[in-house]
Amino acid sequence: MTHFDSESRKYYHAPLMSGPAAVHRLEDPFAFAHAAGVHCGQAALAAMPRLQDRLAGDAVTVAYVVRGKLDQRQRPLLELEITGNPSLRCGRCLAPLDFALQLQSRVLLMHPGTALPEDDADPESPEWLEAGQELDLLELVEDEILLSLPLSVRHDEGNCSDGGGTGRTSGRDNPFSKLATLLGPK
């Protein structure tokens, strides 16, 4: 953006500002891993669009820690720890449900176009990620949260807000009981 100073009419460029997105980026993830760097941060769930349909509220933040290191074969690796208490939507009654999030995962960094690791089929081997010159940590945190969520989130039996916990009602509270009177003998 170009500005002119009003008094002296000097021409200057405004410095680029680093916004909130710059806080959640690793400039060189491979150098970060080789240097055994540590990056701590907090991320708002509202900034994670792929999670929005699973959340009951987005006013929650999650804390994350990313540690760089080398594995036994000297390959760059990131270790992630993610903690938080997001409020998810119960699949049975649609009421909010607190979910304790305690994640630990490892991600092997690979340059784009590199062949898959030989131990890719081993369930104990770390996940791998193609990384370029910069890595968006918000996307990585969002991916790990999505992978950790259960397919169907529900309150414990008997704790749903529908009263019975099974999603079914009986007797006079049943909306279909009026249909039974219409189908009854005349």
Protein backbone atom coordinates (compact mmCIF):
# COMPACT_ATOMS: atom_id res chain seq x y z
CA MET A 1 0.00 0.00 0.00
CA THR A 2 1.40 3.38 -0.95
CA HIS A 3 1.01 6.39 1.32
CA PHE A 4 2.18 9.98 1.21
CA ASP A 5 3.10 11.89 4.31
CA SER A 6 0.79 14.91 4.43
CA GLU A 7 3.36 17.49 5.55
CA SER A 8 6.50 16.64 3.62
CA ARG A 9 4.95 14.57 0.83
CA LYS A 10 7.43 11.80 1.41
CA TYR A 11 6.76 8.54 -0.41
CA TYR A 12 6.97 5.43 1.71
CA HIS A 13 5.66 1.88 1.90
CA ALA A 14 3.77 0.72 4.93
CA PRO A 15 5.46 -2.30 6.52
CA LEU A 16 3.73 -5.61 6.13
CA MET A 17 2.02 -6.58 9.32
CA SER A 18 2.06 -10.07 10.65
CA GLY A 19 -1.47 -10.96 11.66
CA PRO A 20 -2.86 -13.83 13.70
CA ALA A 21 -2.27 -16.26 10.82
CA ALA A 22 1.48 -15.69 11.04
CA VAL A 23 1.47 -16.95 14.62
CA HIS A 24 0.27 -20.37 13.47
CA ARG A 25 2.87 -20.98 10.76
CA LEU A 26 6.23 -22.69 10.63
CA GLU A 27 8.42 -20.94 8.06
CA ASP A 28 10.67 -23.95 7.43
CA PRO A 29 9.27 -27.10 9.06
CA PHE A 30 12.31 -29.19 8.07
CA ALA A 31 14.75 -26.79 9.73
CA PHE A 32 12.38 -26.60 12.72
CA ALA A 33 12.53 -30.40 13.11
CA HIS A 34 16.33 -30.54 12.68
CA ALA A 35 16.78 -27.80 15.29
CA ALA A 36 14.42 -29.60 17.73
CA GLY A 37 12.24 -26.51 17.90
CA VAL A 38 9.20 -26.11 20.12
CA HIS A 39 6.15 -24.04 19.20
CA CYS A 40 3.25 -23.49 21.61
CA GLY A 41 0.01 -21.78 20.76
CA GLN A 42 -3.73 -21.55 21.14
CA ALA A 43 -6.19 -21.79 18.30
CA ALA A 44 -9.83 -20.78 18.24
CA LEU A 45 -12.16 -23.46 16.95
CA ALA A 46 -14.02 -20.72 15.09
CA ALA A 47 -10.98 -20.51 12.76
CA MET A 48 -11.39 -24.17 11.76
CA PRO A 49 -14.17 -24.33 9.15
CA ARG A 50 -14.23 -28.13 8.73
CA LEU A 51 -15.12 -28.57 12.43
CA GLN A 52 -18.08 -26.20 12.47
CA ASP A 53 -20.79 -28.78 11.71
CA ARG A 54 -19.68 -30.93 14.67
CA LEU A 55 -19.53 -28.12 17.25
CA ALA A 56 -22.31 -26.88 19.51
CA GLY A 57 -20.40 -23.64 20.11
CA ASP A 58 -17.25 -22.13 18.69
CA ALA A 59 -16.15 -19.92 21.59
CA VAL A 60 -13.59 -22.53 22.69
CA THR A 61 -9.86 -22.52 22.08
CA VAL A 62 -7.54 -25.48 22.05
CA ALA A 63 -3.93 -25.40 23.18
CA TYR A 64 -1.27 -27.10 21.10
CA VAL A 65 2.42 -27.84 21.37
CA VAL A 66 4.50 -28.80 18.33
CA ARG A 67 7.95 -30.28 18.90
CA GLY A 68 10.40 -30.91 16.11
CA LYS A 69 12.81 -33.82 16.23
CA LEU A 70 14.46 -36.50 14.14
CA ASP A 71 13.33 -40.12 14.28
CA GLN A 72 15.66 -43.13 14.62
CA ARG A 73 16.43 -42.98 10.88
CA GLN A 74 17.18 -39.23 11.04
CA ARG A 75 13.97 -38.21 9.25
CA PRO A 76 12.28 -34.91 10.29
CA LEU A 77 9.33 -35.48 12.58
CA LEU A 78 6.78 -33.30 14.37
CA GLU A 79 5.19 -34.37 17.65
CA LEU A 80 1.84 -32.73 18.43
CA GLU A 81 -0.03 -32.39 21.69
CA ILE A 82 -3.50 -30.87 21.54
CA THR A 83 -5.72 -30.25 24.56
CA GLY A 84 -9.07 -28.57 25.01
CA ASN A 85 -12.72 -29.06 25.87
CA PRO A 86 -14.78 -28.39 22.75
CA SER A 87 -18.55 -28.52 23.03
CA LEU A 88 -19.84 -31.01 20.47
CA ARG A 89 -23.42 -31.66 19.42
CA CYS A 90 -25.00 -34.89 20.70
CA GLY A 91 -26.18 -37.04 17.82
CA ARG A 92 -29.20 -38.21 19.81
CA CYS A 93 -30.70 -35.07 21.37
CA LEU A 94 -28.65 -32.32 19.61
CA ALA A 95 -27.79 -30.73 22.97
CA PRO A 96 -24.20 -29.64 23.71
CA LEU A 97 -21.83 -32.26 25.02
CA ASP A 98 -18.42 -31.47 26.52
CA PHE A 99 -15.67 -33.55 24.96
CA ALA A 100 -12.27 -33.82 26.64
CA LEU A 101 -9.63 -33.52 23.95
CA GLN A 102 -6.21 -34.99 24.83
CA LEU A 103 -4.31 -35.80 21.62
CA GLN A 104 -0.76 -36.89 21.02
CA SER A 105 0.42 -37.70 17.52
CA ARG A 106 3.55 -37.85 15.41
CA VAL A 107 3.85 -36.65 11.83
CA LEU A 108 6.75 -37.50 9.54
CA LEU A 109 7.65 -34.60 7.22
CA MET A 110 8.30 -35.34 3.56
CA HIS A 111 9.19 -33.12 0.62
CA PRO A 112 6.52 -33.00 -2.11
CA GLY A 113 6.97 -35.80 -4.63
CA THR A 114 9.06 -38.00 -2.31
CA ALA A 115 8.23 -41.70 -2.34
CA LEU A 116 6.25 -43.07 0.59
CA PRO A 117 8.28 -44.45 3.49
CA GLU A 118 8.95 -48.19 3.46
CA ASP A 119 7.22 -48.62 6.81
CA ASP A 120 4.00 -46.91 5.63
CA ALA A 121 1.96 -50.11 6.08
CA ASP A 122 3.15 -50.55 9.68
CA PRO A 123 0.39 -49.36 12.07
CA GLU A 124 3.02 -48.20 14.59
CA SER A 125 4.77 -45.91 12.09
CA PRO A 126 3.97 -42.20 12.26
CA GLU A 127 1.62 -40.49 9.84
CA TRP A 128 3.37 -38.60 7.06
CA LEU A 129 2.74 -35.17 5.61
CA GLU A 130 4.04 -33.48 2.47
CA ALA A 131 5.35 -30.12 3.61
CA GLY A 132 6.71 -27.24 1.61
CA GLN A 133 8.63 -24.18 2.72
CA GLU A 134 5.95 -23.23 5.20
CA LEU A 135 3.45 -25.24 7.23
CA ASP A 136 0.06 -23.98 8.41
CA LEU A 137 -0.29 -25.28 11.97
CA LEU A 138 -4.01 -24.44 12.14
CA GLU A 139 -4.71 -26.88 9.30
CA LEU A 140 -2.56 -29.53 10.96
CA VAL A 141 -4.31 -29.07 14.32
CA GLU A 142 -7.71 -29.14 12.62
CA ASP A 143 -6.79 -32.36 10.77
CA GLU A 144 -5.70 -34.06 13.99
CA ILE A 145 -8.87 -33.00 15.83
CA LEU A 146 -11.07 -34.25 12.99
CA LEU A 147 -9.28 -37.60 12.97
CA SER A 148 -9.73 -37.98 16.73
CA LEU A 149 -13.46 -37.27 16.98
CA PRO A 150 -15.78 -40.26 17.21
CA LEU A 151 -18.18 -40.82 14.33
CA SER A 152 -21.21 -40.55 16.59
CA VAL A 153 -21.00 -38.35 19.65
CA ARG A 154 -23.70 -39.08 22.22
CA HIS A 155 -24.44 -38.47 25.87
CA ASP A 156 -24.20 -41.47 28.18
CA GLU A 157 -27.33 -43.61 28.37
CA GLY A 158 -30.04 -41.77 30.29
CA ASN A 159 -28.32 -38.34 30.14
CA CYS A 160 -29.83 -36.99 26.93
CA SER A 161 -32.17 -34.02 27.19
CA ASP A 162 -35.00 -36.05 25.59
CA GLY A 163 -35.59 -37.62 29.00
CA GLY A 164 -35.39 -41.33 28.20
CA GLY A 165 -31.94 -41.39 26.68
CA THR A 166 -33.05 -43.64 23.84
CA GLY A 167 -34.57 -41.00 21.61
CA ARG A 168 -38.01 -42.72 21.85
CA THR A 169 -41.02 -41.64 23.79
CA SER A 170 -43.92 -43.74 24.92
CA GLY A 171 -47.56 -43.35 25.77
CA ARG A 172 -49.27 -40.00 25.49
CA ASP A 173 -46.00 -38.12 24.85
CA ASN A 174 -45.46 -40.06 21.66
CA PRO A 175 -46.33 -37.89 18.63
CA PHE A 176 -47.51 -41.01 16.81
CA SER A 177 -50.06 -41.93 19.49
CA LYS A 178 -52.60 -39.62 17.83
CA LEU A 179 -52.15 -41.54 14.60
CA ALA A 180 -53.08 -44.71 16.43
CA THR A 181 -56.45 -43.19 17.34
CA LEU A 182 -57.09 -42.34 13.69
CA LEU A 183 -56.30 -45.90 12.64
CA GLY A 184 -58.36 -47.46 15.43
CA PRO A 185 -61.82 -49.02 14.95
CA LYS A 186 -64.73 -46.68 14.28
